Protein backbone atom coordinates (compact mmCIF):
# COMPACT_ATOMS: atom_id res chain seq x y z
CA UNK A 1 0.00 0.00 0.00
CA UNK A 2 2.73 2.45 0.96
CA UNK A 3 4.62 1.86 -2.30
CA UNK A 4 1.40 2.56 -4.21
CA UNK A 5 0.80 5.77 -2.28
CA UNK A 6 4.39 6.88 -2.93
CA UNK A 7 3.93 6.22 -6.65
CA UNK A 8 1.05 8.73 -6.63
CA UNK A 9 3.40 11.29 -5.09
CA UNK A 10 5.97 10.99 -7.89
CA UNK A 11 8.30 8.91 -5.74
CA UNK A 12 7.70 10.88 -2.53
CA UNK A 13 5.04 10.37 0.11
CA UNK A 14 2.26 12.84 -0.75
CA UNK A 15 1.76 15.89 1.40
CA UNK A 16 -1.67 16.38 3.00
CA UNK A 17 -3.07 18.64 0.27
CA UNK A 18 -1.89 16.15 -2.35
CA UNK A 19 -3.84 13.40 -0.56
CA UNK A 20 -6.94 15.56 -0.75
CA UNK A 21 -6.34 16.21 -4.47
CA UNK A 22 -5.85 12.48 -5.13
CA UNK A 23 -9.17 11.77 -3.44
CA UNK A 24 -10.58 8.68 -1.75
CA UNK A 25 -11.79 6.98 -4.94
CA UNK A 26 -8.33 6.99 -6.52
CA UNK A 27 -6.67 5.97 -3.23
CA UNK A 28 -9.05 3.04 -2.94
CA UNK A 29 -8.62 1.99 -6.55
CA UNK A 30 -4.89 2.52 -7.15
CA UNK A 31 -3.49 1.99 -3.67
CA UNK A 32 -5.78 -0.82 -2.52
CA UNK A 33 -6.77 1.17 0.57
CA UNK A 34 -10.37 0.00 0.35
CA UNK A 35 -12.54 1.43 3.14
CA UNK A 36 -9.45 3.13 4.61
CA UNK A 37 -9.33 5.58 1.68
CA UNK A 38 -12.32 7.56 2.96
CA UNK A 39 -10.78 7.69 6.44
CA UNK A 40 -7.46 8.95 5.04
CA UNK A 41 -9.30 11.68 3.14
CA UNK A 42 -11.61 12.71 5.99
CA UNK A 43 -8.96 12.63 8.72
CA UNK A 44 -6.44 14.51 6.56
CA UNK A 45 -9.01 17.24 5.89
CA UNK A 46 -9.87 17.46 9.62
CA UNK A 47 -6.21 17.60 10.70
CA UNK A 48 -5.61 20.46 8.28
CA UNK A 49 -8.83 22.24 9.27
CA UNK A 50 -7.93 22.01 12.97
CA UNK A 51 -4.37 23.11 12.14
CA UNK A 52 -3.16 19.97 13.95
CA UNK A 53 -0.75 19.40 11.08
CA UNK A 54 1.06 21.82 8.82
CA UNK A 55 0.74 21.72 5.05
CA UNK A 56 3.96 19.67 4.88
CA UNK A 57 2.34 17.03 7.11
CA UNK A 58 4.36 17.75 10.25
CA UNK A 59 2.47 17.87 13.52
CA UNK A 60 1.84 21.14 15.32
CA UNK A 61 3.83 20.90 18.53
CA UNK A 62 1.75 19.93 21.55
CA UNK A 63 -1.56 19.80 19.70
CA UNK A 64 -2.02 16.17 18.74
CA UNK A 65 -2.92 13.99 21.69
CA UNK A 66 -4.34 10.51 22.10
CA UNK A 67 -7.74 11.94 23.04
CA UNK A 68 -7.77 14.28 20.05
CA UNK A 69 -6.94 11.44 17.65
CA UNK A 70 -9.56 9.03 18.92
CA UNK A 71 -12.13 11.81 18.55
CA UNK A 72 -11.56 11.61 14.77
CA UNK A 73 -13.91 9.22 12.98
CA UNK A 74 -11.91 6.22 11.80
CA UNK A 75 -9.05 6.54 14.30
CA UNK A 76 -9.18 3.90 17.02
CA UNK A 77 -7.18 3.27 20.17
CA UNK A 78 -4.35 1.37 18.43
CA UNK A 79 -3.85 3.99 15.70
CA UNK A 80 -4.04 6.87 18.17
CA UNK A 81 -1.58 5.24 20.60
CA UNK A 82 0.82 4.40 17.79
CA UNK A 83 0.66 7.89 16.27
CA UNK A 84 1.31 9.72 19.55
CA UNK A 85 4.14 7.29 20.32
CA UNK A 86 5.75 8.33 17.02
CA UNK A 87 5.35 11.95 18.17
CA UNK A 88 7.23 11.21 21.42
CA UNK A 89 4.30 10.54 23.77
CA UNK A 90 5.06 7.13 25.32
CA UNK A 91 2.22 7.13 27.86
CA UNK A 92 0.00 4.74 25.89
CA UNK A 93 0.56 1.24 24.62
CA UNK A 94 -0.50 0.49 21.02
CA UNK A 95 -2.13 -2.90 21.57
CA UNK A 96 -2.25 -5.02 18.41
CA UNK A 97 -2.24 -8.79 17.95
CA UNK A 98 1.49 -9.09 18.72
CA UNK A 99 1.25 -7.08 21.93
CA UNK A 100 -1.90 -8.99 22.90
CA UNK A 101 -0.18 -12.36 22.40
CA UNK A 102 2.80 -11.25 24.49
CA UNK A 103 0.57 -9.96 27.30
CA UNK A 104 -1.34 -13.25 27.32
CA UNK A 105 2.00 -15.10 27.69
CA UNK A 106 2.57 -12.98 30.80
CA UNK A 107 -0.91 -13.84 32.08
CA UNK A 108 -2.18 -10.30 31.44
CA UNK A 109 -5.50 -9.67 29.72
CA UNK A 110 -4.76 -7.31 26.79
CA UNK A 111 -7.62 -5.06 27.92
CA UNK A 112 -5.53 -4.42 31.05
CA UNK A 113 -2.39 -3.36 29.11
CA UNK A 114 -2.59 0.25 30.24
CA UNK A 115 -2.77 -0.61 33.93
CA UNK A 116 -0.27 -3.50 33.61
CA UNK A 117 2.47 -0.98 32.82
CA UNK A 118 1.17 1.75 35.16
CA UNK A 119 4.41 1.98 37.12
CA UNK A 120 6.08 3.44 34.01
CA UNK A 121 3.52 6.29 33.91
CA UNK A 122 4.31 8.59 30.96
CA UNK A 123 6.89 6.06 29.72
CA UNK A 124 4.45 3.11 29.58
CA UNK A 125 5.38 2.15 26.00
CA UNK A 126 9.12 2.32 26.76
CA UNK A 127 8.61 0.11 29.83
CA UNK A 128 6.79 -2.41 27.68
CA UNK A 129 9.57 -2.37 25.06
CA UNK A 130 12.27 -2.76 27.71
CA UNK A 131 10.44 -5.77 29.18
CA UNK A 132 10.20 -7.32 25.69
CA UNK A 133 13.93 -6.79 25.12
CA UNK A 134 14.86 -8.27 28.49
CA UNK A 135 12.53 -11.25 28.04
CA UNK A 136 13.79 -11.83 24.50
CA UNK A 137 17.44 -11.92 25.61
CA UNK A 138 16.67 -14.08 28.65
CA UNK A 139 18.32 -11.34 30.66
CA UNK A 140 20.25 -12.73 33.62
CA UNK A 141 21.56 -9.46 34.97
CA UNK A 142 25.18 -10.53 34.48
C-alpha atoms as a PDB file:
ATOM      1  CA  UNK A   1       0.000   0.000   0.000  1.00  0.00           C
ATOM      2  CA  UNK A   2       2.731   2.450   0.956  1.00  0.00           C
ATOM      3  CA  UNK A   3       4.620   1.860  -2.303  1.00  0.00           C
ATOM      4  CA  UNK A   4       1.397   2.559  -4.209  1.00  0.00           C
ATOM      5  CA  UNK A   5       0.799   5.769  -2.276  1.00  0.00           C
ATOM      6  CA  UNK A   6       4.385   6.884  -2.925  1.00  0.00           C
ATOM      7  CA  UNK A   7       3.935   6.217  -6.645  1.00  0.00           C
ATOM      8  CA  UNK A   8       1.046   8.730  -6.630  1.00  0.00           C
ATOM      9  CA  UNK A   9       3.399  11.289  -5.089  1.00  0.00           C
ATOM     10  CA  UNK A  10       5.974  10.992  -7.893  1.00  0.00           C
ATOM     11  CA  UNK A  11       8.300   8.912  -5.735  1.00  0.00           C
ATOM     12  CA  UNK A  12       7.698  10.875  -2.526  1.00  0.00           C
ATOM     13  CA  UNK A  13       5.037  10.367   0.110  1.00  0.00           C
ATOM     14  CA  UNK A  14       2.260  12.839  -0.751  1.00  0.00           C
ATOM     15  CA  UNK A  15       1.759  15.893   1.403  1.00  0.00           C
ATOM     16  CA  UNK A  16      -1.674  16.378   3.000  1.00  0.00           C
ATOM     17  CA  UNK A  17      -3.069  18.642   0.270  1.00  0.00           C
ATOM     18  CA  UNK A  18      -1.891  16.153  -2.348  1.00  0.00           C
ATOM     19  CA  UNK A  19      -3.837  13.403  -0.556  1.00  0.00           C
ATOM     20  CA  UNK A  20      -6.938  15.557  -0.753  1.00  0.00           C
ATOM     21  CA  UNK A  21      -6.341  16.215  -4.467  1.00  0.00           C
ATOM     22  CA  UNK A  22      -5.851  12.484  -5.125  1.00  0.00           C
ATOM     23  CA  UNK A  23      -9.174  11.770  -3.436  1.00  0.00           C
ATOM     24  CA  UNK A  24     -10.579   8.676  -1.751  1.00  0.00           C
ATOM     25  CA  UNK A  25     -11.786   6.976  -4.943  1.00  0.00           C
ATOM     26  CA  UNK A  26      -8.335   6.988  -6.518  1.00  0.00           C
ATOM     27  CA  UNK A  27      -6.671   5.973  -3.230  1.00  0.00           C
ATOM     28  CA  UNK A  28      -9.048   3.042  -2.939  1.00  0.00           C
ATOM     29  CA  UNK A  29      -8.622   1.993  -6.547  1.00  0.00           C
ATOM     30  CA  UNK A  30      -4.892   2.525  -7.149  1.00  0.00           C
ATOM     31  CA  UNK A  31      -3.490   1.992  -3.670  1.00  0.00           C
ATOM     32  CA  UNK A  32      -5.780  -0.818  -2.523  1.00  0.00           C
ATOM     33  CA  UNK A  33      -6.769   1.169   0.573  1.00  0.00           C
ATOM     34  CA  UNK A  34     -10.372   0.003   0.350  1.00  0.00           C
ATOM     35  CA  UNK A  35     -12.537   1.433   3.136  1.00  0.00           C
ATOM     36  CA  UNK A  36      -9.449   3.125   4.612  1.00  0.00           C
ATOM     37  CA  UNK A  37      -9.329   5.583   1.676  1.00  0.00           C
ATOM     38  CA  UNK A  38     -12.323   7.559   2.957  1.00  0.00           C
ATOM     39  CA  UNK A  39     -10.777   7.689   6.441  1.00  0.00           C
ATOM     40  CA  UNK A  40      -7.458   8.953   5.041  1.00  0.00           C
ATOM     41  CA  UNK A  41      -9.303  11.677   3.138  1.00  0.00           C
ATOM     42  CA  UNK A  42     -11.612  12.714   5.987  1.00  0.00           C
ATOM     43  CA  UNK A  43      -8.958  12.631   8.715  1.00  0.00           C
ATOM     44  CA  UNK A  44      -6.436  14.513   6.564  1.00  0.00           C
ATOM     45  CA  UNK A  45      -9.006  17.244   5.893  1.00  0.00           C
ATOM     46  CA  UNK A  46      -9.867  17.456   9.615  1.00  0.00           C
ATOM     47  CA  UNK A  47      -6.213  17.601  10.703  1.00  0.00           C
ATOM     48  CA  UNK A  48      -5.609  20.457   8.278  1.00  0.00           C
ATOM     49  CA  UNK A  49      -8.831  22.237   9.272  1.00  0.00           C
ATOM     50  CA  UNK A  50      -7.928  22.009  12.969  1.00  0.00           C
ATOM     51  CA  UNK A  51      -4.367  23.107  12.140  1.00  0.00           C
ATOM     52  CA  UNK A  52      -3.159  19.967  13.945  1.00  0.00           C
ATOM     53  CA  UNK A  53      -0.755  19.402  11.077  1.00  0.00           C
ATOM     54  CA  UNK A  54       1.058  21.821   8.820  1.00  0.00           C
ATOM     55  CA  UNK A  55       0.741  21.724   5.048  1.00  0.00           C
ATOM     56  CA  UNK A  56       3.958  19.669   4.876  1.00  0.00           C
ATOM     57  CA  UNK A  57       2.337  17.027   7.111  1.00  0.00           C
ATOM     58  CA  UNK A  58       4.356  17.750  10.248  1.00  0.00           C
ATOM     59  CA  UNK A  59       2.465  17.873  13.525  1.00  0.00           C
ATOM     60  CA  UNK A  60       1.836  21.138  15.319  1.00  0.00           C
ATOM     61  CA  UNK A  61       3.833  20.901  18.530  1.00  0.00           C
ATOM     62  CA  UNK A  62       1.755  19.926  21.550  1.00  0.00           C
ATOM     63  CA  UNK A  63      -1.564  19.803  19.696  1.00  0.00           C
ATOM     64  CA  UNK A  64      -2.016  16.173  18.739  1.00  0.00           C
ATOM     65  CA  UNK A  65      -2.921  13.993  21.689  1.00  0.00           C
ATOM     66  CA  UNK A  66      -4.338  10.513  22.098  1.00  0.00           C
ATOM     67  CA  UNK A  67      -7.742  11.937  23.044  1.00  0.00           C
ATOM     68  CA  UNK A  68      -7.770  14.277  20.046  1.00  0.00           C
ATOM     69  CA  UNK A  69      -6.936  11.440  17.650  1.00  0.00           C
ATOM     70  CA  UNK A  70      -9.562   9.029  18.923  1.00  0.00           C
ATOM     71  CA  UNK A  71     -12.132  11.812  18.552  1.00  0.00           C
ATOM     72  CA  UNK A  72     -11.565  11.613  14.774  1.00  0.00           C
ATOM     73  CA  UNK A  73     -13.908   9.217  12.984  1.00  0.00           C
ATOM     74  CA  UNK A  74     -11.913   6.219  11.803  1.00  0.00           C
ATOM     75  CA  UNK A  75      -9.053   6.537  14.300  1.00  0.00           C
ATOM     76  CA  UNK A  76      -9.181   3.903  17.017  1.00  0.00           C
ATOM     77  CA  UNK A  77      -7.176   3.268  20.167  1.00  0.00           C
ATOM     78  CA  UNK A  78      -4.353   1.369  18.429  1.00  0.00           C
ATOM     79  CA  UNK A  79      -3.846   3.990  15.704  1.00  0.00           C
ATOM     80  CA  UNK A  80      -4.035   6.872  18.175  1.00  0.00           C
ATOM     81  CA  UNK A  81      -1.580   5.244  20.605  1.00  0.00           C
ATOM     82  CA  UNK A  82       0.821   4.397  17.788  1.00  0.00           C
ATOM     83  CA  UNK A  83       0.663   7.892  16.270  1.00  0.00           C
ATOM     84  CA  UNK A  84       1.312   9.718  19.547  1.00  0.00           C
ATOM     85  CA  UNK A  85       4.142   7.295  20.324  1.00  0.00           C
ATOM     86  CA  UNK A  86       5.751   8.331  17.022  1.00  0.00           C
ATOM     87  CA  UNK A  87       5.351  11.946  18.173  1.00  0.00           C
ATOM     88  CA  UNK A  88       7.230  11.215  21.420  1.00  0.00           C
ATOM     89  CA  UNK A  89       4.303  10.536  23.775  1.00  0.00           C
ATOM     90  CA  UNK A  90       5.059   7.130  25.319  1.00  0.00           C
ATOM     91  CA  UNK A  91       2.223   7.130  27.863  1.00  0.00           C
ATOM     92  CA  UNK A  92       0.001   4.743  25.895  1.00  0.00           C
ATOM     93  CA  UNK A  93       0.557   1.242  24.618  1.00  0.00           C
ATOM     94  CA  UNK A  94      -0.503   0.490  21.022  1.00  0.00           C
ATOM     95  CA  UNK A  95      -2.129  -2.898  21.569  1.00  0.00           C
ATOM     96  CA  UNK A  96      -2.248  -5.023  18.406  1.00  0.00           C
ATOM     97  CA  UNK A  97      -2.240  -8.793  17.950  1.00  0.00           C
ATOM     98  CA  UNK A  98       1.492  -9.086  18.719  1.00  0.00           C
ATOM     99  CA  UNK A  99       1.245  -7.078  21.931  1.00  0.00           C
ATOM    100  CA  UNK A 100      -1.903  -8.995  22.901  1.00  0.00           C
ATOM    101  CA  UNK A 101      -0.182 -12.358  22.403  1.00  0.00           C
ATOM    102  CA  UNK A 102       2.800 -11.253  24.493  1.00  0.00           C
ATOM    103  CA  UNK A 103       0.571  -9.963  27.299  1.00  0.00           C
ATOM    104  CA  UNK A 104      -1.336 -13.249  27.324  1.00  0.00           C
ATOM    105  CA  UNK A 105       1.999 -15.100  27.690  1.00  0.00           C
ATOM    106  CA  UNK A 106       2.568 -12.980  30.797  1.00  0.00           C
ATOM    107  CA  UNK A 107      -0.911 -13.839  32.077  1.00  0.00           C
ATOM    108  CA  UNK A 108      -2.180 -10.304  31.435  1.00  0.00           C
ATOM    109  CA  UNK A 109      -5.500  -9.670  29.718  1.00  0.00           C
ATOM    110  CA  UNK A 110      -4.758  -7.308  26.790  1.00  0.00           C
ATOM    111  CA  UNK A 111      -7.621  -5.060  27.918  1.00  0.00           C
ATOM    112  CA  UNK A 112      -5.526  -4.420  31.053  1.00  0.00           C
ATOM    113  CA  UNK A 113      -2.388  -3.364  29.110  1.00  0.00           C
ATOM    114  CA  UNK A 114      -2.594   0.254  30.239  1.00  0.00           C
ATOM    115  CA  UNK A 115      -2.769  -0.615  33.931  1.00  0.00           C
ATOM    116  CA  UNK A 116      -0.269  -3.498  33.614  1.00  0.00           C
ATOM    117  CA  UNK A 117       2.471  -0.977  32.816  1.00  0.00           C
ATOM    118  CA  UNK A 118       1.171   1.751  35.163  1.00  0.00           C
ATOM    119  CA  UNK A 119       4.413   1.981  37.120  1.00  0.00           C
ATOM    120  CA  UNK A 120       6.079   3.439  34.009  1.00  0.00           C
ATOM    121  CA  UNK A 121       3.515   6.293  33.907  1.00  0.00           C
ATOM    122  CA  UNK A 122       4.308   8.593  30.962  1.00  0.00           C
ATOM    123  CA  UNK A 123       6.886   6.059  29.718  1.00  0.00           C
ATOM    124  CA  UNK A 124       4.453   3.114  29.578  1.00  0.00           C
ATOM    125  CA  UNK A 125       5.384   2.152  26.000  1.00  0.00           C
ATOM    126  CA  UNK A 126       9.115   2.316  26.763  1.00  0.00           C
ATOM    127  CA  UNK A 127       8.607   0.110  29.832  1.00  0.00           C
ATOM    128  CA  UNK A 128       6.791  -2.409  27.678  1.00  0.00           C
ATOM    129  CA  UNK A 129       9.573  -2.370  25.057  1.00  0.00           C
ATOM    130  CA  UNK A 130      12.271  -2.762  27.705  1.00  0.00           C
ATOM    131  CA  UNK A 131      10.444  -5.769  29.175  1.00  0.00           C
ATOM    132  CA  UNK A 132      10.202  -7.321  25.692  1.00  0.00           C
ATOM    133  CA  UNK A 133      13.934  -6.792  25.121  1.00  0.00           C
ATOM    134  CA  UNK A 134      14.864  -8.272  28.486  1.00  0.00           C
ATOM    135  CA  UNK A 135      12.532 -11.248  28.038  1.00  0.00           C
ATOM    136  CA  UNK A 136      13.790 -11.831  24.497  1.00  0.00           C
ATOM    137  CA  UNK A 137      17.435 -11.919  25.611  1.00  0.00           C
ATOM    138  CA  UNK A 138      16.672 -14.076  28.649  1.00  0.00           C
ATOM    139  CA  UNK A 139      18.322 -11.339  30.664  1.00  0.00           C
ATOM    140  CA  UNK A 140      20.250 -12.730  33.620  1.00  0.00           C
ATOM    141  CA  UNK A 141      21.564  -9.465  34.966  1.00  0.00           C
ATOM    142  CA  UNK A 142      25.176 -10.530  34.485  1.00  0.00           C
END
